[in-house]
Amino acid sequence: RYGNLFYNPFHALSIVFLYGSVLSFATHGATILAVSRYGGEREIEQIVDRGTASERA
């Protein structure tokens, strides 16, 4: 039915999801690197140091 692979709609969907996931992983990695560059890990340390809500109350 689909003699050429590029005309297969399922192949087109798989390529779209492949590129979409690569773009999503790239933006996630860039966000992590950007936040860690400006000391984003300090926020987690502050959350851990303060304790839970019941401990702070």
C-alpha atoms as a PDB file:
ATOM      1  CA  ARG A   1       0.000   0.000   0.000  1.00  0.00           C
ATOM      2  CA  TYR A   2       2.675   2.487   0.944  1.00  0.00           C
ATOM      3  CA  GLY A   3       5.404   1.771  -1.564  1.00  0.00           C
ATOM      4  CA  ASN A   4       7.593   4.560  -0.277  1.00  0.00           C
ATOM      5  CA  LEU A   5       8.342   4.647   3.449  1.00  0.00           C
ATOM      6  CA  PHE A   6       8.152   8.446   3.533  1.00  0.00           C
ATOM      7  CA  TYR A   7       4.481   8.335   2.504  1.00  0.00           C
ATOM      8  CA  ASN A   8       3.568   6.062   5.411  1.00  0.00           C
ATOM      9  CA  PRO A   9       1.646   8.126   8.010  1.00  0.00           C
ATOM     10  CA  PHE A  10       2.865   5.944  10.898  1.00  0.00           C
ATOM     11  CA  HIS A  11       6.443   6.533   9.851  1.00  0.00           C
ATOM     12  CA  ALA A  12       5.742  10.269   9.747  1.00  0.00           C
ATOM     13  CA  LEU A  13       4.258  10.152  13.250  1.00  0.00           C
ATOM     14  CA  SER A  14       7.244   8.239  14.581  1.00  0.00           C
ATOM     15  CA  ILE A  15       9.626  10.830  13.138  1.00  0.00           C
ATOM     16  CA  VAL A  16       7.563  13.649  14.659  1.00  0.00           C
ATOM     17  CA  PHE A  17       7.650  12.002  18.081  1.00  0.00           C
ATOM     18  CA  LEU A  18      11.369  11.292  17.704  1.00  0.00           C
ATOM     19  CA  TYR A  19      12.173  14.933  16.922  1.00  0.00           C
ATOM     20  CA  GLY A  20       9.756  16.114  19.599  1.00  0.00           C
ATOM     21  CA  SER A  21      11.356  13.971  22.284  1.00  0.00           C
ATOM     22  CA  VAL A  22      14.849  15.068  21.233  1.00  0.00           C
ATOM     23  CA  LEU A  23      13.765  18.699  21.451  1.00  0.00           C
ATOM     24  CA  SER A  24      12.156  18.078  24.835  1.00  0.00           C
ATOM     25  CA  PHE A  25      15.283  16.372  26.208  1.00  0.00           C
ATOM     26  CA  ALA A  26      17.480  19.163  24.850  1.00  0.00           C
ATOM     27  CA  THR A  27      15.425  21.933  26.443  1.00  0.00           C
ATOM     28  CA  HIS A  28      15.281  20.007  29.719  1.00  0.00           C
ATOM     29  CA  GLY A  29      19.057  19.577  29.719  1.00  0.00           C
ATOM     30  CA  ALA A  30      19.609  23.227  28.854  1.00  0.00           C
ATOM     31  CA  THR A  31      17.322  24.291  31.697  1.00  0.00           C
ATOM     32  CA  ILE A  32      19.170  22.078  34.182  1.00  0.00           C
ATOM     33  CA  LEU A  33      22.542  23.409  33.044  1.00  0.00           C
ATOM     34  CA  ALA A  34      21.360  27.024  33.167  1.00  0.00           C
ATOM     35  CA  VAL A  35      19.877  26.677  36.656  1.00  0.00           C
ATOM     36  CA  SER A  36      22.928  24.860  38.011  1.00  0.00           C
ATOM     37  CA  ARG A  37      25.179  27.579  36.636  1.00  0.00           C
ATOM     38  CA  TYR A  38      23.441  30.209  38.741  1.00  0.00           C
ATOM     39  CA  GLY A  39      23.422  28.167  41.942  1.00  0.00           C
ATOM     40  CA  GLY A  40      20.073  26.440  41.633  1.00  0.00           C
ATOM     41  CA  GLU A  41      21.238  23.614  43.885  1.00  0.00           C
ATOM     42  CA  ARG A  42      21.234  26.031  46.827  1.00  0.00           C
ATOM     43  CA  GLU A  43      17.448  26.118  46.702  1.00  0.00           C
ATOM     44  CA  ILE A  44      17.313  22.362  47.264  1.00  0.00           C
ATOM     45  CA  GLU A  45      19.791  22.673  50.127  1.00  0.00           C
ATOM     46  CA  GLN A  46      17.601  25.344  51.723  1.00  0.00           C
ATOM     47  CA  ILE A  47      14.522  23.155  51.385  1.00  0.00           C
ATOM     48  CA  VAL A  48      16.336  20.229  53.000  1.00  0.00           C
ATOM     49  CA  ASP A  49      17.836  22.383  55.774  1.00  0.00           C
ATOM     50  CA  ARG A  50      14.487  23.910  56.751  1.00  0.00           C
ATOM     51  CA  GLY A  51      12.832  20.545  57.177  1.00  0.00           C
ATOM     52  CA  THR A  52       9.256  19.602  56.546  1.00  0.00           C
ATOM     53  CA  ALA A  53       6.244  21.803  57.215  1.00  0.00           C
ATOM     54  CA  SER A  54       5.427  20.031  60.476  1.00  0.00           C
ATOM     55  CA  GLU A  55       8.998  20.538  61.694  1.00  0.00           C
ATOM     56  CA  ARG A  56       8.870  24.266  60.898  1.00  0.00           C
ATOM     57  CA  ALA A  57       5.502  24.834  62.603  1.00  0.00           C
END
